[in-house]
Amino acid sequence: MILSTLNRTLKAYALAIIGAEFVLRWLPVGTHQWQRFVRPDELASALAAAGLTLIRTEGLIYDPFADEWRLGADTDVNYFATTVRA
């Protein structure tokens, strides 16, 4: 299974909520709820409890200068998690 979520960090709060909702207006204000963002360690624990093994975590990073998204090691804001059944 592949999951995508937002990490509960101050960087994610600044970029996903303040930046995307209030400054850039990409999303309606109130779309994100920071307390519902999930840290990678919390996701790994929940997956293990469900009988799944976390295989890989990779960040989804926005480059404003190129106006494009790419995969990378930075999971501070958006990230993907790949799992398999244990």
N, C-alpha and C. Protein backbone atom coordinates (compact mmCIF):
# COMPACT_ATOMS: atom_id res chain seq x y z
N MET A 1 0.86 -1.16 0.00
CA MET A 1 0.00 0.00 0.00
C MET A 1 0.91 1.23 0.00
N ILE A 2 0.49 2.25 -0.70
CA ILE A 2 1.21 3.52 -0.70
C ILE A 2 0.31 4.57 -0.06
N LEU A 3 0.85 5.28 0.91
CA LEU A 3 0.11 6.31 1.63
C LEU A 3 0.78 7.66 1.39
N SER A 4 0.02 8.71 1.47
CA SER A 4 0.54 10.06 1.37
C SER A 4 -0.10 10.89 2.46
N THR A 5 0.72 11.66 3.18
CA THR A 5 0.18 12.48 4.26
C THR A 5 1.11 13.66 4.52
N LEU A 6 0.74 14.46 5.48
CA LEU A 6 1.54 15.61 5.90
C LEU A 6 2.16 15.31 7.26
N ASN A 7 3.40 15.73 7.43
CA ASN A 7 4.11 15.54 8.68
C ASN A 7 3.72 16.65 9.66
N ARG A 8 3.63 16.32 10.95
CA ARG A 8 3.26 17.30 11.96
C ARG A 8 4.53 18.00 12.47
N THR A 9 4.98 18.96 11.68
CA THR A 9 6.16 19.76 12.02
C THR A 9 5.78 21.24 11.88
N LEU A 10 6.59 22.10 12.46
CA LEU A 10 6.35 23.53 12.31
C LEU A 10 6.53 23.95 10.85
N LYS A 11 7.46 23.30 10.16
CA LYS A 11 7.66 23.59 8.73
C LYS A 11 6.40 23.26 7.93
N ALA A 12 5.77 22.14 8.23
CA ALA A 12 4.53 21.76 7.54
C ALA A 12 3.41 22.75 7.88
N TYR A 13 3.33 23.18 9.11
CA TYR A 13 2.33 24.17 9.50
C TYR A 13 2.53 25.46 8.69
N ALA A 14 3.78 25.90 8.63
CA ALA A 14 4.09 27.15 7.92
C ALA A 14 3.79 27.04 6.42
N LEU A 15 4.19 25.95 5.80
CA LEU A 15 4.03 25.83 4.36
C LEU A 15 2.64 25.36 3.93
N ALA A 16 2.12 24.33 4.59
CA ALA A 16 0.84 23.74 4.16
C ALA A 16 -0.37 24.56 4.62
N ILE A 17 -0.28 25.12 5.80
CA ILE A 17 -1.44 25.87 6.30
C ILE A 17 -1.29 27.36 6.00
N ILE A 18 -0.26 27.98 6.54
CA ILE A 18 -0.10 29.42 6.33
C ILE A 18 0.17 29.72 4.86
N GLY A 19 1.14 29.01 4.28
CA GLY A 19 1.51 29.27 2.89
C GLY A 19 0.43 28.91 1.88
N ALA A 20 -0.03 27.66 1.92
CA ALA A 20 -0.97 27.17 0.90
C ALA A 20 -2.40 27.69 1.08
N GLU A 21 -2.80 27.90 2.33
CA GLU A 21 -4.18 28.34 2.57
C GLU A 21 -4.31 29.86 2.66
N PHE A 22 -3.44 30.50 3.43
CA PHE A 22 -3.61 31.93 3.69
C PHE A 22 -2.86 32.83 2.70
N VAL A 23 -1.64 32.45 2.33
CA VAL A 23 -0.84 33.30 1.46
C VAL A 23 -1.14 33.05 -0.01
N LEU A 24 -0.96 31.81 -0.46
CA LEU A 24 -1.13 31.50 -1.88
C LEU A 24 -2.58 31.23 -2.27
N ARG A 25 -3.43 30.92 -1.28
CA ARG A 25 -4.84 30.63 -1.54
C ARG A 25 -5.04 29.46 -2.50
N TRP A 26 -4.12 28.46 -2.42
CA TRP A 26 -4.26 27.25 -3.23
C TRP A 26 -5.43 26.41 -2.75
N LEU A 27 -5.74 26.52 -1.45
CA LEU A 27 -6.79 25.72 -0.82
C LEU A 27 -7.65 26.63 0.04
N PRO A 28 -8.89 26.25 0.28
CA PRO A 28 -9.72 27.04 1.19
C PRO A 28 -9.14 27.04 2.61
N VAL A 29 -9.24 28.16 3.28
CA VAL A 29 -8.79 28.25 4.67
C VAL A 29 -9.55 27.23 5.49
N GLY A 30 -8.83 26.47 6.31
CA GLY A 30 -9.43 25.43 7.15
C GLY A 30 -9.35 24.04 6.55
N THR A 31 -8.77 23.92 5.35
CA THR A 31 -8.64 22.60 4.72
C THR A 31 -7.79 21.67 5.58
N HIS A 32 -6.67 22.17 6.08
CA HIS A 32 -5.76 21.35 6.89
C HIS A 32 -6.01 21.56 8.38
N GLN A 33 -5.85 20.49 9.13
CA GLN A 33 -5.90 20.55 10.59
C GLN A 33 -4.58 19.99 11.10
N TRP A 34 -3.69 20.86 11.58
CA TRP A 34 -2.33 20.48 11.95
C TRP A 34 -2.29 19.33 12.95
N GLN A 35 -3.22 19.29 13.88
CA GLN A 35 -3.22 18.24 14.89
C GLN A 35 -3.50 16.86 14.27
N ARG A 36 -3.99 16.83 13.04
CA ARG A 36 -4.24 15.56 12.34
C ARG A 36 -3.09 15.15 11.43
N PHE A 37 -2.08 16.00 11.29
CA PHE A 37 -0.91 15.62 10.51
C PHE A 37 -0.22 14.47 11.25
N VAL A 38 0.48 13.60 10.53
CA VAL A 38 1.04 12.37 11.12
C VAL A 38 2.55 12.32 10.93
N ARG A 39 3.27 12.20 12.04
CA ARG A 39 4.73 12.04 11.97
C ARG A 39 5.05 10.64 11.45
N PRO A 40 6.15 10.48 10.72
CA PRO A 40 6.51 9.16 10.19
C PRO A 40 6.60 8.06 11.24
N ASP A 41 7.10 8.38 12.44
CA ASP A 41 7.19 7.36 13.49
C ASP A 41 5.80 6.92 13.96
N GLU A 42 4.85 7.85 14.01
CA GLU A 42 3.47 7.50 14.38
C GLU A 42 2.84 6.62 13.31
N LEU A 43 3.09 6.95 12.05
CA LEU A 43 2.55 6.15 10.96
C LEU A 43 3.12 4.75 10.99
N ALA A 44 4.43 4.63 11.21
CA ALA A 44 5.07 3.31 11.28
C ALA A 44 4.46 2.46 12.39
N SER A 45 4.19 3.06 13.53
CA SER A 45 3.58 2.33 14.65
C SER A 45 2.17 1.87 14.31
N ALA A 46 1.39 2.74 13.70
CA ALA A 46 0.02 2.38 13.32
C ALA A 46 0.02 1.28 12.26
N LEU A 47 0.95 1.36 11.32
CA LEU A 47 1.05 0.33 10.29
C LEU A 47 1.42 -1.01 10.90
N ALA A 48 2.39 -1.00 11.81
CA ALA A 48 2.82 -2.25 12.47
C ALA A 48 1.66 -2.87 13.25
N ALA A 49 0.88 -2.03 13.92
CA ALA A 49 -0.27 -2.52 14.68
C ALA A 49 -1.32 -3.14 13.76
N ALA A 50 -1.33 -2.70 12.49
CA ALA A 50 -2.28 -3.24 11.51
C ALA A 50 -1.70 -4.40 10.72
N GLY A 51 -0.49 -4.86 11.10
CA GLY A 51 0.12 -5.98 10.42
C GLY A 51 0.84 -5.62 9.13
N LEU A 52 1.20 -4.34 8.99
CA LEU A 52 1.90 -3.89 7.80
C LEU A 52 3.32 -3.46 8.17
N THR A 53 4.24 -3.63 7.24
CA THR A 53 5.62 -3.24 7.46
C THR A 53 5.95 -2.05 6.57
N LEU A 54 6.50 -1.01 7.18
CA LEU A 54 6.90 0.16 6.44
C LEU A 54 8.19 -0.16 5.67
N ILE A 55 8.15 -0.03 4.36
CA ILE A 55 9.30 -0.33 3.51
C ILE A 55 10.11 0.92 3.20
N ARG A 56 9.43 2.02 2.91
CA ARG A 56 10.14 3.22 2.49
C ARG A 56 9.30 4.46 2.79
N THR A 57 9.98 5.52 3.15
CA THR A 57 9.36 6.83 3.33
C THR A 57 10.12 7.81 2.46
N GLU A 58 9.38 8.61 1.68
CA GLU A 58 10.03 9.57 0.79
C GLU A 58 9.22 10.86 0.75
N GLY A 59 9.92 11.97 0.75
CA GLY A 59 9.26 13.27 0.76
C GLY A 59 8.77 13.71 -0.61
N LEU A 60 7.72 14.51 -0.60
CA LEU A 60 7.22 15.18 -1.80
C LEU A 60 7.54 16.66 -1.60
N ILE A 61 8.41 17.19 -2.45
CA ILE A 61 8.97 18.52 -2.22
C ILE A 61 8.57 19.46 -3.36
N TYR A 62 8.12 20.64 -2.99
CA TYR A 62 7.77 21.64 -4.00
C TYR A 62 8.94 22.59 -4.20
N ASP A 63 9.31 22.81 -5.44
CA ASP A 63 10.37 23.76 -5.79
C ASP A 63 9.70 24.98 -6.40
N PRO A 64 9.57 26.07 -5.63
CA PRO A 64 8.85 27.25 -6.14
C PRO A 64 9.56 27.93 -7.31
N PHE A 65 10.88 27.79 -7.41
CA PHE A 65 11.62 28.44 -8.49
C PHE A 65 11.36 27.75 -9.83
N ALA A 66 11.21 26.43 -9.80
CA ALA A 66 10.92 25.67 -11.03
C ALA A 66 9.42 25.43 -11.18
N ASP A 67 8.64 25.77 -10.14
CA ASP A 67 7.20 25.51 -10.09
C ASP A 67 6.90 24.04 -10.41
N GLU A 68 7.59 23.16 -9.66
CA GLU A 68 7.37 21.72 -9.86
C GLU A 68 7.56 20.96 -8.55
N TRP A 69 6.97 19.78 -8.54
CA TRP A 69 7.07 18.88 -7.40
C TRP A 69 8.05 17.77 -7.75
N ARG A 70 8.78 17.26 -6.73
CA ARG A 70 9.70 16.15 -6.95
C ARG A 70 9.77 15.31 -5.67
N LEU A 71 10.23 14.09 -5.84
CA LEU A 71 10.47 13.21 -4.70
C LEU A 71 11.87 13.46 -4.16
N GLY A 72 12.04 13.29 -2.84
CA GLY A 72 13.34 13.50 -2.23
C GLY A 72 13.36 13.02 -0.80
N ALA A 73 14.47 13.25 -0.13
CA ALA A 73 14.67 12.76 1.23
C ALA A 73 13.96 13.60 2.30
N ASP A 74 13.58 14.82 1.98
CA ASP A 74 12.97 15.73 2.96
C ASP A 74 11.50 15.36 3.19
N THR A 75 11.21 14.80 4.36
CA THR A 75 9.85 14.41 4.72
C THR A 75 9.21 15.41 5.70
N ASP A 76 9.79 16.59 5.82
CA ASP A 76 9.32 17.58 6.80
C ASP A 76 7.90 18.09 6.55
N VAL A 77 7.44 18.05 5.30
CA VAL A 77 6.10 18.58 5.00
C VAL A 77 5.22 17.45 4.46
N ASN A 78 5.34 17.13 3.21
CA ASN A 78 4.56 16.05 2.59
C ASN A 78 5.43 14.82 2.43
N TYR A 79 4.85 13.64 2.64
CA TYR A 79 5.65 12.43 2.40
C TYR A 79 4.76 11.26 2.01
N PHE A 80 5.40 10.30 1.33
CA PHE A 80 4.78 9.04 0.95
C PHE A 80 5.38 7.93 1.81
N ALA A 81 4.58 6.93 2.09
CA ALA A 81 5.05 5.75 2.81
C ALA A 81 4.61 4.52 2.02
N THR A 82 5.53 3.62 1.80
CA THR A 82 5.24 2.39 1.09
C THR A 82 5.25 1.25 2.10
N THR A 83 4.23 0.39 2.07
CA THR A 83 4.10 -0.68 3.04
C THR A 83 3.83 -2.02 2.33
N VAL A 84 4.09 -3.09 3.08
CA VAL A 84 3.69 -4.43 2.65
C VAL A 84 3.08 -5.13 3.84
N ARG A 85 2.31 -6.15 3.55
CA ARG A 85 1.72 -6.93 4.65
C ARG A 85 2.82 -7.77 5.27
N ALA A 86 2.90 -7.71 6.58
CA ALA A 86 3.96 -8.42 7.33
C ALA A 86 3.75 -9.93 7.27
